């Protein structure tokens, strides 16, 4: 029985899983957003929160810097993380990432997600039963995706309203 076993195994050995998560968190801090499977994104979020909390203390806290250096694999990414985190996430205690589901992968139909570091002043609003992140300043990935979905729904509704009833064509209209 796996009672009280909190970590997700992701089908890998412990060392492989640690290396995978270290590389993912480094890529997230380097690029600001990553696309990965939903399970990996869910496993990555607590690690990102822990590292941002370490980085909020700044470079003056040598012990926190070394703890973060044990996880983040690139020095330049580590330095930038510590410089930006203090100002960017000053008012937050947790929840530094946004996860947006992104459909299924074409090869194996694995559910994909986009994990993005939250922008300054970004909040979440409840729209239509789901939580959609909205940005106060600048455009975020989630708002772009919500806009694209709304446009596709409007387009599909317009096509349905302009098309005729199924099974009715010009030749049957003339005969009746």
C-alpha atoms as a PDB file:
ATOM      1  CA  UNK A   1       0.000   0.000   0.000  1.00  0.00           C
ATOM      2  CA  UNK A   2       1.258   3.482  -0.898  1.00  0.00           C
ATOM      3  CA  UNK A   3      -0.249   5.275   2.043  1.00  0.00           C
ATOM      4  CA  UNK A   4       1.306   8.690   2.764  1.00  0.00           C
ATOM      5  CA  UNK A   5       3.641   8.602  -0.232  1.00  0.00           C
ATOM      6  CA  UNK A   6       3.338  12.152  -1.482  1.00  0.00           C
ATOM      7  CA  UNK A   7       5.644  12.345  -4.515  1.00  0.00           C
ATOM      8  CA  UNK A   8       4.596  11.318  -7.995  1.00  0.00           C
ATOM      9  CA  UNK A   9       6.853   8.704  -9.561  1.00  0.00           C
ATOM     10  CA  UNK A  10       6.255   9.638 -13.223  1.00  0.00           C
ATOM     11  CA  UNK A  11       7.348   6.143 -14.283  1.00  0.00           C
ATOM     12  CA  UNK A  12      11.026   6.851 -13.566  1.00  0.00           C
ATOM     13  CA  UNK A  13      13.665   5.962 -11.020  1.00  0.00           C
ATOM     14  CA  UNK A  14      14.368   8.506  -8.278  1.00  0.00           C
ATOM     15  CA  UNK A  15      17.552   9.817  -9.882  1.00  0.00           C
ATOM     16  CA  UNK A  16      15.932  10.119 -13.318  1.00  0.00           C
ATOM     17  CA  UNK A  17      12.905  11.874 -11.820  1.00  0.00           C
ATOM     18  CA  UNK A  18      15.137  14.336  -9.936  1.00  0.00           C
ATOM     19  CA  UNK A  19      17.126  15.122 -13.089  1.00  0.00           C
ATOM     20  CA  UNK A  20      13.923  15.563 -15.100  1.00  0.00           C
ATOM     21  CA  UNK A  21      12.403  17.976 -12.576  1.00  0.00           C
ATOM     22  CA  UNK A  22      15.678  19.927 -12.276  1.00  0.00           C
ATOM     23  CA  UNK A  23      15.820  20.355 -16.054  1.00  0.00           C
ATOM     24  CA  UNK A  24      12.153  21.349 -16.241  1.00  0.00           C
ATOM     25  CA  UNK A  25      12.456  23.948 -13.480  1.00  0.00           C
ATOM     26  CA  UNK A  26      15.605  25.370 -15.100  1.00  0.00           C
ATOM     27  CA  UNK A  27      13.805  25.657 -18.428  1.00  0.00           C
ATOM     28  CA  UNK A  28      10.808  27.295 -16.760  1.00  0.00           C
ATOM     29  CA  UNK A  29      12.953  29.969 -15.124  1.00  0.00           C
ATOM     30  CA  UNK A  30      14.955  30.424 -18.322  1.00  0.00           C
ATOM     31  CA  UNK A  31      12.053  30.808 -20.759  1.00  0.00           C
ATOM     32  CA  UNK A  32       9.149  31.862 -18.530  1.00  0.00           C
ATOM     33  CA  UNK A  33       6.876  29.087 -19.809  1.00  0.00           C
ATOM     34  CA  UNK A  34       7.168  25.458 -20.834  1.00  0.00           C
ATOM     35  CA  UNK A  35       4.904  22.891 -22.469  1.00  0.00           C
ATOM     36  CA  UNK A  36       4.976  19.470 -20.845  1.00  0.00           C
ATOM     37  CA  UNK A  37       2.611  16.699 -19.797  1.00  0.00           C
ATOM     38  CA  UNK A  38      -0.021  17.452 -17.208  1.00  0.00           C
ATOM     39  CA  UNK A  39       1.459  15.033 -14.647  1.00  0.00           C
ATOM     40  CA  UNK A  40       4.932  16.574 -14.945  1.00  0.00           C
ATOM     41  CA  UNK A  41       3.499  20.088 -14.654  1.00  0.00           C
ATOM     42  CA  UNK A  42       1.602  19.137 -11.494  1.00  0.00           C
ATOM     43  CA  UNK A  43       4.742  17.590 -10.006  1.00  0.00           C
ATOM     44  CA  UNK A  44       6.786  20.673 -10.901  1.00  0.00           C
ATOM     45  CA  UNK A  45       4.600  23.329  -9.272  1.00  0.00           C
ATOM     46  CA  UNK A  46       5.604  22.689  -5.616  1.00  0.00           C
ATOM     47  CA  UNK A  47       9.282  22.704  -6.596  1.00  0.00           C
ATOM     48  CA  UNK A  48       8.893  26.053  -8.362  1.00  0.00           C
ATOM     49  CA  UNK A  49       7.095  27.516  -5.332  1.00  0.00           C
ATOM     50  CA  UNK A  50       9.882  26.335  -3.040  1.00  0.00           C
ATOM     51  CA  UNK A  51      12.591  27.830  -5.252  1.00  0.00           C
ATOM     52  CA  UNK A  52      10.814  31.174  -5.612  1.00  0.00           C
ATOM     53  CA  UNK A  53      10.425  31.367  -1.837  1.00  0.00           C
ATOM     54  CA  UNK A  54      14.175  30.779  -1.508  1.00  0.00           C
ATOM     55  CA  UNK A  55      14.907  33.394  -4.164  1.00  0.00           C
ATOM     56  CA  UNK A  56      12.688  36.047  -2.564  1.00  0.00           C
ATOM     57  CA  UNK A  57      15.316  36.492   0.142  1.00  0.00           C
ATOM     58  CA  UNK A  58      17.783  37.703  -2.473  1.00  0.00           C
ATOM     59  CA  UNK A  59      21.454  36.854  -2.947  1.00  0.00           C
ATOM     60  CA  UNK A  60      22.285  38.044   0.581  1.00  0.00           C
ATOM     61  CA  UNK A  61      21.011  34.711   1.948  1.00  0.00           C
ATOM     62  CA  UNK A  62      23.915  32.474   0.960  1.00  0.00           C
ATOM     63  CA  UNK A  63      22.332  29.293   2.308  1.00  0.00           C
ATOM     64  CA  UNK A  64      19.164  29.822   0.238  1.00  0.00           C
ATOM     65  CA  UNK A  65      21.294  30.605  -2.823  1.00  0.00           C
ATOM     66  CA  UNK A  66      23.190  27.334  -2.431  1.00  0.00           C
ATOM     67  CA  UNK A  67      19.996  25.357  -1.882  1.00  0.00           C
ATOM     68  CA  UNK A  68      18.575  26.774  -5.119  1.00  0.00           C
ATOM     69  CA  UNK A  69      21.894  26.137  -6.907  1.00  0.00           C
ATOM     70  CA  UNK A  70      21.511  22.456  -6.030  1.00  0.00           C
ATOM     71  CA  UNK A  71      18.345  22.377  -8.155  1.00  0.00           C
ATOM     72  CA  UNK A  72      18.789  24.943 -10.949  1.00  0.00           C
ATOM     73  CA  UNK A  73      21.393  23.673 -13.395  1.00  0.00           C
ATOM     74  CA  UNK A  74      22.493  26.920 -15.124  1.00  0.00           C
ATOM     75  CA  UNK A  75      24.327  29.700 -13.291  1.00  0.00           C
ATOM     76  CA  UNK A  76      22.917  32.543 -15.380  1.00  0.00           C
ATOM     77  CA  UNK A  77      19.358  31.295 -14.822  1.00  0.00           C
ATOM     78  CA  UNK A  78      20.013  31.007 -11.087  1.00  0.00           C
ATOM     79  CA  UNK A  79      21.318  34.579 -10.906  1.00  0.00           C
ATOM     80  CA  UNK A  80      18.406  35.968 -12.904  1.00  0.00           C
ATOM     81  CA  UNK A  81      15.934  34.020 -10.757  1.00  0.00           C
ATOM     82  CA  UNK A  82      17.312  35.567  -7.575  1.00  0.00           C
ATOM     83  CA  UNK A  83      17.375  39.067  -9.077  1.00  0.00           C
ATOM     84  CA  UNK A  84      13.822  39.024 -10.443  1.00  0.00           C
ATOM     85  CA  UNK A  85      11.984  37.036  -7.779  1.00  0.00           C
ATOM     86  CA  UNK A  86      12.297  39.600  -4.981  1.00  0.00           C
ATOM     87  CA  UNK A  87      10.495  42.320  -6.921  1.00  0.00           C
ATOM     88  CA  UNK A  88       8.236  40.229  -9.091  1.00  0.00           C
ATOM     89  CA  UNK A  89       6.697  38.019  -6.395  1.00  0.00           C
ATOM     90  CA  UNK A  90       6.995  40.350  -3.391  1.00  0.00           C
ATOM     91  CA  UNK A  91       3.246  40.432  -2.621  1.00  0.00           C
ATOM     92  CA  UNK A  92       2.629  36.696  -3.046  1.00  0.00           C
ATOM     93  CA  UNK A  93       3.260  33.869  -0.623  1.00  0.00           C
ATOM     94  CA  UNK A  94       2.586  31.030  -3.068  1.00  0.00           C
ATOM     95  CA  UNK A  95       0.995  30.308  -6.431  1.00  0.00           C
ATOM     96  CA  UNK A  96       3.755  31.608  -8.671  1.00  0.00           C
ATOM     97  CA  UNK A  97       2.730  29.554 -11.703  1.00  0.00           C
ATOM     98  CA  UNK A  98      -0.281  29.213 -13.974  1.00  0.00           C
ATOM     99  CA  UNK A  99      -1.099  25.884 -15.569  1.00  0.00           C
ATOM    100  CA  UNK A 100      -3.254  25.855 -18.709  1.00  0.00           C
ATOM    101  CA  UNK A 101      -4.365  22.542 -20.178  1.00  0.00           C
ATOM    102  CA  UNK A 102      -3.341  22.352 -23.814  1.00  0.00           C
ATOM    103  CA  UNK A 103      -5.067  19.351 -25.364  1.00  0.00           C
ATOM    104  CA  UNK A 104      -3.524  15.986 -26.137  1.00  0.00           C
ATOM    105  CA  UNK A 105      -0.153  15.085 -27.623  1.00  0.00           C
ATOM    106  CA  UNK A 106      -0.472  13.696 -31.127  1.00  0.00           C
ATOM    107  CA  UNK A 107       1.795  10.666 -30.684  1.00  0.00           C
ATOM    108  CA  UNK A 108       0.383   9.052 -27.559  1.00  0.00           C
ATOM    109  CA  UNK A 109      -2.600  11.244 -26.598  1.00  0.00           C
ATOM    110  CA  UNK A 110      -0.951  12.279 -23.333  1.00  0.00           C
ATOM    111  CA  UNK A 111      -2.633  15.344 -21.807  1.00  0.00           C
ATOM    112  CA  UNK A 112      -0.421  18.421 -22.241  1.00  0.00           C
ATOM    113  CA  UNK A 113      -0.213  21.552 -20.127  1.00  0.00           C
ATOM    114  CA  UNK A 114       1.541  24.875 -20.428  1.00  0.00           C
ATOM    115  CA  UNK A 115       3.197  25.981 -17.201  1.00  0.00           C
ATOM    116  CA  UNK A 116       3.923  29.699 -17.017  1.00  0.00           C
ATOM    117  CA  UNK A 117       5.427  31.920 -14.342  1.00  0.00           C
ATOM    118  CA  UNK A 118       2.793  34.405 -13.293  1.00  0.00           C
ATOM    119  CA  UNK A 119       3.249  38.026 -14.316  1.00  0.00           C
ATOM    120  CA  UNK A 120       3.124  40.978 -11.926  1.00  0.00           C
ATOM    121  CA  UNK A 121      -0.456  41.920 -11.089  1.00  0.00           C
ATOM    122  CA  UNK A 122      -1.954  38.808 -12.676  1.00  0.00           C
ATOM    123  CA  UNK A 123      -5.102  37.433 -11.080  1.00  0.00           C
ATOM    124  CA  UNK A 124      -7.561  34.640 -11.661  1.00  0.00           C
ATOM    125  CA  UNK A 125     -11.206  35.188 -12.528  1.00  0.00           C
ATOM    126  CA  UNK A 126     -13.978  32.617 -12.589  1.00  0.00           C
ATOM    127  CA  UNK A 127     -15.606  32.545 -16.021  1.00  0.00           C
ATOM    128  CA  UNK A 128     -18.149  29.959 -17.093  1.00  0.00           C
ATOM    129  CA  UNK A 129     -17.387  27.482 -14.309  1.00  0.00           C
ATOM    130  CA  UNK A 130     -13.653  27.364 -14.998  1.00  0.00           C
ATOM    131  CA  UNK A 131     -10.763  29.397 -13.670  1.00  0.00           C
ATOM    132  CA  UNK A 132      -9.101  31.499 -16.358  1.00  0.00           C
ATOM    133  CA  UNK A 133      -6.065  33.587 -15.462  1.00  0.00           C
ATOM    134  CA  UNK A 134      -6.379  37.227 -16.490  1.00  0.00           C
ATOM    135  CA  UNK A 135      -3.602  39.782 -16.653  1.00  0.00           C
ATOM    136  CA  UNK A 136      -3.984  43.337 -15.419  1.00  0.00           C
ATOM    137  CA  UNK A 137      -0.826  44.441 -17.184  1.00  0.00           C
ATOM    138  CA  UNK A 138       0.243  42.908 -20.464  1.00  0.00           C
ATOM    139  CA  UNK A 139      -1.142  39.847 -22.182  1.00  0.00           C
ATOM    140  CA  UNK A 140      -0.640  36.411 -20.771  1.00  0.00           C
ATOM    141  CA  UNK A 141      -0.751  33.013 -22.354  1.00  0.00           C
ATOM    142  CA  UNK A 142      -4.037  32.135 -20.696  1.00  0.00           C
ATOM    143  CA  UNK A 143      -5.824  35.272 -21.871  1.00  0.00           C
ATOM    144  CA  UNK A 144      -4.564  34.664 -25.418  1.00  0.00           C
ATOM    145  CA  UNK A 145      -5.886  31.116 -25.297  1.00  0.00           C
ATOM    146  CA  UNK A 146      -9.239  32.254 -23.875  1.00  0.00           C
ATOM    147  CA  UNK A 147      -9.528  34.836 -26.660  1.00  0.00           C
ATOM    148  CA  UNK A 148      -8.738  32.228 -29.344  1.00  0.00           C
ATOM    149  CA  UNK A 149     -11.316  29.804 -27.907  1.00  0.00           C
ATOM    150  CA  UNK A 150     -13.965  32.536 -27.818  1.00  0.00           C
ATOM    151  CA  UNK A 151     -13.211  33.450 -31.440  1.00  0.00           C
ATOM    152  CA  UNK A 152     -13.464  29.838 -32.590  1.00  0.00           C
ATOM    153  CA  UNK A 153     -16.786  29.408 -30.759  1.00  0.00           C
ATOM    154  CA  UNK A 154     -18.180  32.558 -32.402  1.00  0.00           C
ATOM    155  CA  UNK A 155     -16.953  31.394 -35.805  1.00  0.00           C
ATOM    156  CA  UNK A 156     -18.536  27.956 -35.370  1.00  0.00           C
ATOM    157  CA  UNK A 157     -21.824  29.531 -34.238  1.00  0.00           C
ATOM    158  CA  UNK A 158     -21.840  31.830 -37.260  1.00  0.00           C
ATOM    159  CA  UNK A 159     -21.243  28.900 -39.622  1.00  0.00           C
ATOM    160  CA  UNK A 160     -24.078  26.903 -38.066  1.00  0.00           C
ATOM    161  CA  UNK A 161     -26.525  29.811 -38.261  1.00  0.00           C
ATOM    162  CA  UNK A 162     -25.717  30.557 -41.927  1.00  0.00           C
ATOM    163  CA  UNK A 163     -25.832  26.946 -43.099  1.00  0.00           C
ATOM    164  CA  UNK A 164     -29.122  25.375 -44.107  1.00  0.00           C
ATOM    165  CA  UNK A 165     -30.835  22.478 -42.415  1.00  0.00           C
ATOM    166  CA  UNK A 166     -29.201  19.107 -43.108  1.00  0.00           C
ATOM    167  CA  UNK A 167     -30.686  17.087 -45.945  1.00  0.00           C
ATOM    168  CA  UNK A 168     -32.251  20.103 -47.659  1.00  0.00           C
ATOM    169  CA  UNK A 169     -30.739  21.251 -50.923  1.00  0.00           C
ATOM    170  CA  UNK A 170     -31.830  23.382 -53.853  1.00  0.00           C
ATOM    171  CA  UNK A 171     -33.330  20.511 -55.901  1.00  0.00           C
ATOM    172  CA  UNK A 172     -35.716  19.453 -53.133  1.00  0.00           C
ATOM    173  CA  UNK A 173     -36.822  23.048 -52.529  1.00  0.00           C
ATOM    174  CA  UNK A 174     -37.868  23.484 -56.174  1.00  0.00           C
ATOM    175  CA  UNK A 175     -39.864  20.260 -56.254  1.00  0.00           C
ATOM    176  CA  UNK A 176     -42.040  21.174 -53.295  1.00  0.00           C
END
